[in-house]
Amino acid sequence: MAHFAKLNNDNEVIAVSVVGNNDTADNAGVEVESIGQQFLEGIHGWDRNLWKQTSYNTYQGEHKLGGTPFRGNYALVGMIYDATNDIFVEKQPYPSWTLNVSAARWEPPVPRPFLQEGLFYITEWNESNGRWEGHEADQVITPESERYYWDPDNNSWQTI
């Protein structure tokens, strides 16, 4: 089975279709993307160039079964096909985040913090301050709740 992402004119994935092996193989039985694209265009009437094959087993630049990763990620509705890098990625979450092409994911300018002092924090990126902010995971959130920001220089949470 082959999977194909249906793209709109902005290269956004709007659907994913499964195509049988017989409909994507050449005379030698080898899977060929262009054959699948032609098949899908014939069925749906959607320009063959707006169908891109995707690998169900590829996630963040790795093939989960040890094979060769294909196009960065398995395409999901809402993802973007980056034609320059020939990968599927999520939409850029914030302008300050940069694309790690080999891992096919957006990365923040400050790595997301994890466990600190035995406490878990619910975090969110604050683009205007360029930092991670959050609260303790077991805290009931009220307007008076303490909020924290991550200080990467000290590897610690600081009260806002």
Protein backbone atom coordinates (compact mmCIF):
# COMPACT_ATOMS: atom_id res chain seq x y z
CA MET A 1 0.00 0.00 0.00
CA ALA A 2 1.19 3.48 -0.82
CA HIS A 3 0.04 6.70 0.81
CA PHE A 4 -0.34 9.99 -1.03
CA ALA A 5 -0.91 13.48 0.33
CA LYS A 6 -3.32 15.69 -1.58
CA LEU A 7 -2.03 19.28 -1.59
CA ASN A 8 -3.75 22.57 -2.22
CA ASN A 9 -2.04 25.34 -4.20
CA ASP A 10 -0.28 26.52 -1.01
CA ASN A 11 1.28 23.05 -0.50
CA GLU A 12 -0.90 22.38 2.53
CA VAL A 13 -2.00 18.77 3.00
CA ILE A 14 -5.79 18.63 2.66
CA ALA A 15 -6.22 14.84 2.52
CA VAL A 16 -4.25 11.60 2.55
CA SER A 17 -5.23 8.67 0.34
CA VAL A 18 -4.17 5.04 0.32
CA VAL A 19 -3.46 3.49 -3.08
CA GLY A 20 -3.12 -0.21 -3.75
CA ASN A 21 0.18 -1.67 -4.88
CA ASN A 22 -1.24 -2.57 -8.31
CA ASP A 23 -2.07 1.09 -8.92
CA THR A 24 1.41 2.40 -8.15
CA ALA A 25 3.69 -0.26 -9.65
CA ASP A 26 5.48 -0.36 -12.97
CA ASN A 27 5.65 -3.49 -15.16
CA ALA A 28 8.39 -4.91 -12.93
CA GLY A 29 6.25 -4.49 -9.79
CA VAL A 30 8.30 -1.57 -8.47
CA GLU A 31 6.39 1.22 -6.72
CA VAL A 32 6.67 4.46 -8.71
CA GLU A 33 5.33 7.77 -7.40
CA SER A 34 4.42 9.14 -10.84
CA ILE A 35 2.24 6.09 -11.56
CA GLY A 36 0.36 6.65 -8.29
CA GLN A 37 -0.01 10.35 -9.09
CA GLN A 38 -1.43 9.55 -12.53
CA PHE A 39 -3.83 7.02 -10.99
CA LEU A 40 -5.07 9.53 -8.41
CA GLU A 41 -5.48 12.29 -11.00
CA GLY A 42 -7.61 9.91 -13.09
CA ILE A 43 -9.87 9.07 -10.17
CA HIS A 44 -10.17 12.45 -8.47
CA GLY A 45 -9.46 14.88 -11.31
CA TRP A 46 -6.92 16.60 -9.05
CA ASP A 47 -3.70 17.70 -10.80
CA ARG A 48 -1.13 14.90 -10.45
CA ASN A 49 1.52 17.41 -9.38
CA LEU A 50 -0.55 18.15 -6.26
CA TRP A 51 -0.24 14.53 -5.05
CA LYS A 52 2.95 13.65 -3.15
CA GLN A 53 3.79 10.22 -1.88
CA THR A 54 4.37 9.93 1.85
CA SER A 55 5.74 7.19 4.10
CA TYR A 56 3.55 5.88 6.90
CA ASN A 57 6.69 4.76 8.74
CA THR A 58 8.60 8.06 8.67
CA TYR A 59 8.54 10.46 11.62
CA GLN A 60 10.89 13.39 12.26
CA GLY A 61 13.46 12.23 9.75
CA GLU A 62 13.60 8.61 10.91
CA HIS A 63 12.04 5.43 9.60
CA LYS A 64 10.49 3.62 12.56
CA LEU A 65 11.24 0.20 11.07
CA GLY A 66 14.88 1.00 10.33
CA GLY A 67 14.37 1.69 6.64
CA THR A 68 15.18 4.82 4.70
CA PRO A 69 13.15 7.83 5.87
CA PHE A 70 11.05 9.43 3.14
CA ARG A 71 10.05 13.10 3.09
CA GLY A 72 10.67 13.77 6.75
CA ASN A 73 7.27 12.86 8.17
CA TYR A 74 4.16 10.95 7.29
CA ALA A 75 1.88 13.65 5.90
CA LEU A 76 -1.14 14.61 8.00
CA VAL A 77 -3.93 17.02 7.15
CA GLY A 78 -2.76 20.55 7.94
CA MET A 79 0.94 19.84 7.40
CA ILE A 80 2.92 21.68 4.74
CA TYR A 81 4.90 20.13 1.92
CA ASP A 82 8.22 22.00 1.82
CA ALA A 83 9.15 21.63 -1.84
CA THR A 84 12.60 23.14 -1.35
CA ASN A 85 13.60 20.45 1.14
CA ASP A 86 11.19 17.76 -0.16
CA ILE A 87 9.73 17.12 3.31
CA PHE A 88 6.40 17.32 5.11
CA VAL A 89 6.41 19.49 8.23
CA GLU A 90 3.98 21.04 10.65
CA LYS A 91 3.19 24.71 10.08
CA GLN A 92 5.80 26.99 11.63
CA PRO A 93 4.49 27.58 15.17
CA TYR A 94 6.32 30.87 15.81
CA PRO A 95 8.45 33.19 13.67
CA SER A 96 11.51 32.69 15.90
CA TRP A 97 11.53 28.90 15.46
CA THR A 98 13.85 27.41 12.83
CA LEU A 99 13.43 24.38 10.65
CA ASN A 100 15.68 21.42 11.39
CA VAL A 101 15.55 19.86 7.92
CA SER A 102 17.21 16.55 8.81
CA ALA A 103 14.73 16.00 11.68
CA ALA A 104 11.85 17.58 9.72
CA ARG A 105 10.63 19.64 12.68
CA TRP A 106 10.55 23.22 13.94
CA GLU A 107 12.82 23.99 16.87
CA PRO A 108 12.58 26.84 19.35
CA PRO A 109 15.51 29.19 19.98
CA VAL A 110 15.57 27.89 23.58
CA PRO A 111 15.16 24.12 24.04
CA ARG A 112 11.99 23.10 25.86
CA PRO A 113 12.70 22.39 29.54
CA PHE A 114 11.81 19.05 31.07
CA LEU A 115 11.70 17.73 34.61
CA GLN A 116 13.04 20.14 37.21
CA GLU A 117 13.40 19.40 40.91
CA GLY A 118 10.94 16.51 40.72
CA LEU A 119 8.11 18.72 39.45
CA PHE A 120 6.43 18.71 36.09
CA TYR A 121 5.54 21.98 34.43
CA ILE A 122 2.90 22.68 31.81
CA THR A 123 4.76 24.93 29.40
CA GLU A 124 4.03 27.21 26.48
CA TRP A 125 6.30 29.33 24.32
CA ASN A 126 6.01 33.09 24.83
CA GLU A 127 7.10 34.54 21.49
CA SER A 128 7.20 38.17 22.62
CA ASN A 129 9.55 37.34 25.53
CA GLY A 130 11.42 34.57 23.68
CA ARG A 131 11.08 32.11 26.52
CA TRP A 132 9.21 29.14 27.95
CA GLU A 133 6.61 29.96 30.56
CA GLY A 134 4.40 27.71 32.59
CA HIS A 135 2.96 26.51 35.83
CA GLU A 136 3.30 23.42 37.99
CA ALA A 137 1.33 20.55 36.49
CA ASP A 138 -0.50 19.69 39.70
CA GLN A 139 -1.52 23.30 40.34
CA VAL A 140 -5.15 24.42 40.02
CA ILE A 141 -4.94 27.41 37.71
CA THR A 142 -6.50 30.66 38.90
CA PRO A 143 -5.68 34.29 38.04
CA GLU A 144 -3.55 34.35 41.21
CA SER A 145 -1.61 31.18 40.37
CA GLU A 146 2.14 31.43 40.33
CA ARG A 147 3.62 31.41 36.87
CA TYR A 148 7.21 30.68 36.00
CA TYR A 149 9.65 31.18 33.17
CA TRP A 150 12.54 28.94 32.23
CA ASP A 151 16.00 30.45 32.71
CA PRO A 152 18.32 28.46 30.42
CA ASP A 153 21.43 30.14 31.86
CA ASN A 154 20.70 28.66 35.29
CA ASN A 155 18.70 25.62 34.14
CA SER A 156 15.91 26.52 36.52
CA TRP A 157 12.40 27.88 36.73
CA GLN A 158 12.04 31.46 37.97
CA THR A 159 8.90 33.12 39.30
CA ILE A 160 7.39 35.70 36.95
